[in-house]
Protein backbone atom coordinates (compact mmCIF):
# COMPACT_ATOMS: atom_id res chain seq x y z
CA MET A 1 -22.42 25.04 -1.04
CA SER A 2 -22.14 28.21 1.03
CA ASN A 3 -23.12 28.64 4.74
CA ASN A 4 -21.52 29.13 8.08
CA PHE A 5 -21.06 25.43 8.68
CA THR A 6 -19.34 24.40 5.45
CA PHE A 7 -15.64 24.97 4.69
CA ASP A 8 -13.06 24.05 2.05
CA ALA A 9 -9.84 22.54 3.37
CA THR A 10 -6.26 22.79 2.04
CA PRO A 11 -3.19 21.05 3.34
CA GLU A 12 -2.36 24.20 5.26
CA ASN A 13 -5.63 24.59 7.13
CA PHE A 14 -6.77 20.96 7.43
CA ASN A 15 -5.57 20.47 11.01
CA GLU A 16 -7.27 23.68 12.15
CA LEU A 17 -10.54 23.08 10.36
CA VAL A 18 -10.84 19.38 11.08
CA LEU A 19 -8.82 18.36 14.11
CA GLY A 20 -9.25 21.62 15.97
CA ASN A 21 -12.98 21.81 15.46
CA SER A 22 -13.51 18.14 16.19
CA SER A 23 -12.55 18.82 19.76
CA ARG A 24 -15.71 20.85 20.02
CA GLY A 25 -18.05 18.68 17.99
CA PRO A 26 -18.32 16.29 15.05
CA VAL A 27 -16.71 17.25 11.76
CA MET A 28 -17.58 15.46 8.50
CA VAL A 29 -14.88 15.56 5.85
CA ASN A 30 -16.03 15.07 2.27
CA TYR A 31 -13.27 13.93 -0.10
CA TRP A 32 -14.54 14.64 -3.60
CA SER A 33 -13.53 15.06 -7.27
CA SER A 34 -15.31 16.99 -9.99
CA ASN A 35 -14.55 14.09 -12.30
CA ALA A 36 -16.53 11.54 -10.27
CA GLY A 37 -20.27 11.43 -10.84
CA PRO A 38 -21.09 9.94 -7.40
CA CYS A 39 -19.36 12.93 -5.78
CA ILE A 40 -21.58 15.39 -7.68
CA LYS A 41 -24.63 13.29 -6.79
CA LEU A 42 -23.67 13.50 -3.11
CA TRP A 43 -23.51 17.28 -2.86
CA PRO A 44 -27.31 17.98 -2.54
CA THR A 45 -27.50 15.32 0.21
CA LEU A 46 -24.69 16.90 2.18
CA GLU A 47 -26.08 20.34 1.71
CA ALA A 48 -29.48 19.21 2.94
CA LEU A 49 -27.91 17.57 6.03
CA VAL A 50 -25.94 20.69 6.92
CA ASN A 51 -29.13 22.75 6.71
CA GLU A 52 -31.15 20.12 8.63
CA PHE A 53 -28.70 19.95 11.56
CA SER A 54 -27.89 23.66 11.48
CA GLY A 55 -24.51 23.71 13.15
CA ARG A 56 -24.58 20.47 15.11
CA PHE A 57 -21.72 19.32 12.82
CA LEU A 58 -19.30 20.99 10.44
CA LEU A 59 -18.79 19.89 6.84
CA VAL A 60 -15.27 20.22 5.45
CA ASN A 61 -14.64 19.54 1.79
CA VAL A 62 -11.33 18.36 0.37
CA ASN A 63 -10.92 18.65 -3.39
CA THR A 64 -8.86 15.59 -4.37
CA ASP A 65 -8.30 17.01 -7.88
CA LYS A 66 -6.26 19.88 -6.38
CA TYR A 67 -4.81 18.00 -3.39
CA LYS A 68 -4.46 14.47 -4.64
CA SER A 69 -1.02 13.84 -3.10
CA PHE A 70 -2.22 15.22 0.29
CA ALA A 71 -5.40 13.14 0.26
CA GLN A 72 -3.68 9.89 -0.75
CA ASN A 73 -0.30 10.14 1.02
CA GLU A 74 -1.22 12.05 4.13
CA LEU A 75 -4.81 11.04 4.70
CA GLY A 76 -4.92 7.57 3.11
CA ILE A 77 -7.85 8.34 0.78
CA VAL A 78 -7.84 5.94 -2.15
CA SER A 79 -11.35 6.41 -3.61
CA VAL A 80 -14.03 9.11 -3.83
CA PRO A 81 -16.44 9.98 -2.56
CA THR A 82 -15.27 9.15 0.95
CA LEU A 83 -16.78 10.71 4.04
CA GLN A 84 -14.85 10.64 7.31
CA ILE A 85 -16.42 11.70 10.59
CA PHE A 86 -13.93 13.17 13.13
CA HIS A 87 -14.58 13.63 16.80
CA GLN A 88 -12.04 14.48 19.49
CA GLN A 89 -9.36 14.51 16.74
CA GLN A 90 -10.04 10.88 15.78
CA VAL A 91 -11.80 9.30 12.84
CA VAL A 92 -14.89 7.71 14.39
CA ASP A 93 -16.73 6.64 11.24
CA VAL A 94 -16.12 6.29 7.51
CA ILE A 95 -18.59 6.16 4.62
CA HIS A 96 -17.44 4.95 1.24
CA GLY A 97 -19.44 5.91 -1.86
CA ALA A 98 -22.60 7.94 -2.33
CA GLU A 99 -24.90 6.29 0.19
CA SER A 100 -28.54 7.28 0.63
CA PRO A 101 -29.49 10.35 2.65
CA ASP A 102 -31.08 8.15 5.35
CA SER A 103 -27.94 6.01 5.66
CA ILE A 104 -25.63 9.03 5.99
CA ARG A 105 -28.03 10.72 8.44
CA SER A 106 -28.10 7.55 10.56
CA THR A 107 -24.29 7.28 10.65
CA LEU A 108 -23.91 11.00 11.42
CA SER A 109 -26.57 10.98 14.12
CA LYS A 110 -24.57 8.46 16.22
CA HIS A 111 -21.96 11.18 16.80
CA LEU A 112 -24.12 14.26 17.28
CA PRO A 113 -24.69 15.70 20.73
CA ARG A 114 -27.91 14.52 22.35
CA SER A 115 -29.85 15.86 25.37
CA SER A 116 -28.93 12.76 27.32
CA ASP A 117 -25.22 13.64 27.03
CA SER A 118 -25.42 16.12 29.88
CA LEU A 119 -26.92 13.48 32.19
CA LEU A 120 -24.24 11.09 31.03
CA VAL A 121 -21.61 13.59 32.21
CA GLU A 122 -23.32 13.83 35.59
CA SER A 123 -23.10 10.04 35.94
CA ILE A 124 -19.40 10.10 35.12
CA LYS A 125 -18.94 12.73 37.83
CA MET A 126 -20.73 10.40 40.23
CA TYR A 127 -18.18 7.67 39.38
CA ASN A 128 -15.34 10.08 39.98
CA ASP A 129 -16.88 10.80 43.38
CA ASN A 130 -16.23 7.13 44.21
CA LYS A 131 -19.76 5.94 43.62
CA PRO A 132 -19.17 3.35 40.87
CA GLN A 133 -22.27 1.20 41.29
CA GLN A 134 -24.60 4.19 41.60
CA ALA A 135 -23.02 5.65 38.48
CA ILE A 136 -23.55 2.47 36.47
CA ASP A 137 -27.11 2.15 37.71
CA GLU A 138 -27.87 5.75 36.66
CA LEU A 139 -26.36 5.12 33.25
CA LYS A 140 -28.50 2.05 32.75
CA LYS A 141 -31.59 4.08 33.59
CA LEU A 142 -30.46 6.76 31.14
CA GLN A 143 -29.98 4.14 28.44
CA LYS A 144 -33.59 3.06 28.84
CA SER A 145 -34.73 6.65 28.24
CA ASP A 146 -32.42 7.18 25.29
CA PRO A 147 -31.51 3.83 23.75
CA GLU A 148 -30.31 5.53 20.54
CA ASN A 149 -27.37 7.17 22.24
CA PRO A 150 -24.42 4.70 21.84
CA ARG A 151 -22.18 6.76 24.12
CA ILE A 152 -24.21 5.60 27.18
CA ALA A 153 -23.50 1.98 26.51
CA THR A 154 -19.80 2.56 25.87
CA SER A 155 -19.60 4.56 29.12
CA ILE A 156 -21.15 1.67 31.08
CA ILE A 157 -18.62 -0.75 29.51
CA LYS A 158 -15.72 1.57 30.32
CA LEU A 159 -16.82 1.87 34.01
CA MET A 160 -17.22 -1.88 34.32
CA PHE A 161 -13.75 -2.35 32.83
CA ARG A 162 -12.22 0.13 35.28
CA GLU A 163 -13.89 -1.80 38.12
CA SER A 164 -12.50 -5.08 36.77
CA ARG A 165 -16.06 -6.46 36.47
CA PHE A 166 -15.08 -8.39 33.39
CA ASP A 167 -17.80 -11.09 33.53
CA ASP A 168 -20.52 -8.42 34.03
CA MET A 169 -19.03 -6.39 31.23
CA GLU A 170 -19.03 -9.24 28.77
CA GLN A 171 -22.58 -10.22 29.66
CA TYR A 172 -23.62 -6.56 29.20
CA ILE A 173 -21.87 -6.33 25.84
CA ASN A 174 -23.61 -9.49 24.63
CA SER A 175 -26.95 -7.90 25.37
CA GLN A 176 -26.28 -4.80 23.27
CA SER A 177 -26.86 -3.91 19.67
CA ALA A 178 -24.44 -4.77 16.85
CA GLN A 179 -23.46 -1.13 16.74
CA VAL A 180 -22.12 -1.34 20.34
CA LYS A 181 -20.67 -4.83 19.93
CA ASN A 182 -18.71 -3.84 16.82
CA ASN A 183 -17.41 -0.58 18.28
CA GLU A 184 -13.63 -0.70 18.04
CA GLU A 185 -13.15 0.69 21.58
CA VAL A 186 -15.63 -1.84 23.00
CA ILE A 187 -13.85 -4.72 21.20
CA GLY A 188 -10.49 -3.42 22.59
CA LEU A 189 -11.78 -3.32 26.10
CA LEU A 190 -13.24 -6.80 25.82
CA MET A 191 -9.86 -8.17 24.51
CA HIS A 192 -7.96 -6.38 27.27
CA SER A 193 -10.35 -7.96 29.82
CA LYS A 194 -9.71 -11.41 28.29
CA LEU A 195 -5.98 -10.96 28.64
CA GLN A 196 -6.19 -9.74 32.22
CA THR A 197 -8.47 -12.62 33.17
CA ALA A 198 -6.16 -15.17 31.57
CA ALA A 199 -3.07 -13.67 33.22
CA ALA A 200 -4.74 -13.77 36.62
CA GLN A 201 -4.98 -17.56 36.33
CA VAL A 202 -1.18 -17.92 36.12
CA LYS A 203 0.37 -18.65 39.52
CA ASP A 204 3.85 -19.59 38.29
CA ILE A 205 5.17 -18.92 34.77
CA ASN A 206 7.65 -21.81 34.92
CA GLU A 207 4.89 -24.18 35.84
CA LEU A 208 2.76 -22.81 33.00
CA ASN A 209 5.59 -23.50 30.53
CA ASN A 210 5.95 -27.02 31.82
CA GLN A 211 2.20 -27.59 31.44
CA ILE A 212 2.32 -26.39 27.82
CA ALA A 213 5.36 -28.61 27.11
CA ALA A 214 3.31 -31.58 28.31
CA ASP A 215 0.11 -30.49 26.48
CA SER A 216 1.26 -28.40 23.53
CA GLU A 217 -2.18 -27.87 22.01
CA ASN A 218 -4.06 -26.84 25.13
CA MET A 219 -5.55 -23.55 24.00
CA ASP A 220 -6.46 -22.31 27.50
CA LEU A 221 -2.85 -22.67 28.63
CA ILE A 222 -1.38 -21.10 25.49
CA TYR A 223 -3.70 -18.11 25.82
CA GLN A 224 -2.57 -17.69 29.44
CA LEU A 225 1.04 -17.48 28.14
CA VAL A 226 -0.14 -14.99 25.48
CA ALA A 227 -1.67 -12.89 28.27
CA MET A 228 1.50 -12.96 30.38
CA ASP A 229 3.69 -12.00 27.38
CA ALA A 230 1.29 -9.16 26.36
CA LEU A 231 1.01 -7.67 29.82
CA ASN A 232 4.77 -7.78 30.19
CA ASP A 233 5.23 -6.01 26.85
CA HIS A 234 6.68 -9.06 25.11
CA ILE A 235 4.38 -8.39 22.14
CA ASN A 236 6.29 -10.38 19.55
CA ASP A 237 6.25 -13.48 21.79
CA ALA A 238 2.53 -13.05 22.35
CA LEU A 239 1.92 -12.69 18.56
CA ASP A 240 3.97 -15.83 17.81
CA GLN A 241 1.88 -17.81 20.27
CA LEU A 242 -1.34 -16.43 18.78
CA LEU A 243 -0.19 -17.60 15.35
CA LYS A 244 0.29 -21.01 16.87
CA MET A 245 -3.26 -20.85 18.30
CA LEU A 246 -4.65 -19.92 14.85
CA LYS A 247 -3.06 -23.05 13.37
CA ILE A 248 -4.56 -25.25 16.11
CA ASP A 249 -8.05 -23.76 16.34
CA ALA A 250 -8.74 -20.40 14.72
CA GLY A 251 -12.35 -20.44 16.07
CA TYR A 252 -11.36 -20.87 19.67
CA LYS A 253 -13.73 -18.90 21.95
CA ASN A 254 -15.36 -16.88 19.13
CA ASN A 255 -12.21 -16.22 17.16
CA LEU A 256 -10.30 -14.98 20.18
CA PRO A 257 -6.77 -15.53 18.76
CA ALA A 258 -7.40 -13.36 15.68
CA LYS A 259 -9.20 -10.62 17.66
CA THR A 260 -6.34 -10.48 20.16
CA MET A 261 -3.80 -10.34 17.37
CA VAL A 262 -5.60 -7.29 15.89
CA LEU A 263 -5.51 -5.59 19.32
CA LEU A 264 -1.77 -6.25 19.86
CA LEU A 265 -0.87 -5.27 16.26
CA ASN A 266 -2.13 -1.78 17.03
CA THR A 267 0.72 -1.37 19.49
CA PHE A 268 3.12 -1.36 16.53
CA GLY A 269 1.13 1.17 14.52
CA ILE A 270 -1.21 -0.01 11.83
CA ASP A 271 1.19 0.81 8.96
CA SER A 272 4.42 -0.32 10.55
CA ALA A 273 6.49 -2.99 8.79
CA GLU A 274 6.21 -5.27 11.78
CA ALA A 275 2.39 -5.02 11.85
CA LYS A 276 2.15 -5.64 8.12
CA SER A 277 4.39 -8.67 8.47
CA TYR A 278 2.34 -10.27 11.25
CA ARG A 279 -0.89 -9.37 9.50
CA ALA A 280 0.29 -11.14 6.37
CA ARG A 281 1.24 -14.20 8.40
CA MET A 282 -2.16 -14.17 10.10
CA ILE A 283 -3.99 -14.00 6.77
CA ASP A 284 -1.83 -16.78 5.42
CA VAL A 285 -2.66 -19.05 8.33
CA LEU A 286 -6.41 -18.25 8.14
CA SER A 287 -6.49 -18.85 4.39
CA GLN A 288 -5.26 -22.43 5.02
CA GLN A 289 -8.08 -23.24 7.51
């Protein structure tokens, strides 16, 4: 595969090729092996997509036969073919296996620049000029003209979050596609809004503890304590209370305890010993439901 938009990565040039270029546009990384049939089957599809989009994304190939240790230990790749899409130095999507050309194109298209992006930027500038409602209204109009651009919806959600319009934000999220609802950043903002809303209901922490002592399975009260602990960086205390909530009612408010645990575990780092320990305890509790 030879063109101006396809490159072969090594451990030495990976950061430059992938992370550096992802600051300017999407980069798809193809982890492949010459010993895996699905990888060979995938090559024509990737070549066709590179030619089709002609520079709107870069393809970077990592040969896991030559760089097995780098792929596994540094990048966490455990099977091939695996495709990772990087944007702004972050992995924004992952495809496992040799999916169909239409499926890969659909996933890739979510992250490619669109004509509506320039108008999106103008709306954000409007917000920065202290015109929040006008900016949100303009973004909603823009979404109607380009409903396939997921960045418009996430921008609306971010602005609502910044304005502490948590009820409006949740109602808006519920009206969106599964792609938007399942976006990790959107889920994170929603969980943060839940925590802030719950913490705002607490007038006196001592009184809250007394109420919980008198009604130890009151999920609303326990979640308020979780929120206070989380917002005061008492993450372990918050996680312990969430484990308690899971034992009482794991399905509380659309699985809120587990979703909040996932959010808070990210503060430790996904591969930290503490995160792994709490994650194992969470799975153990859920398996007993």
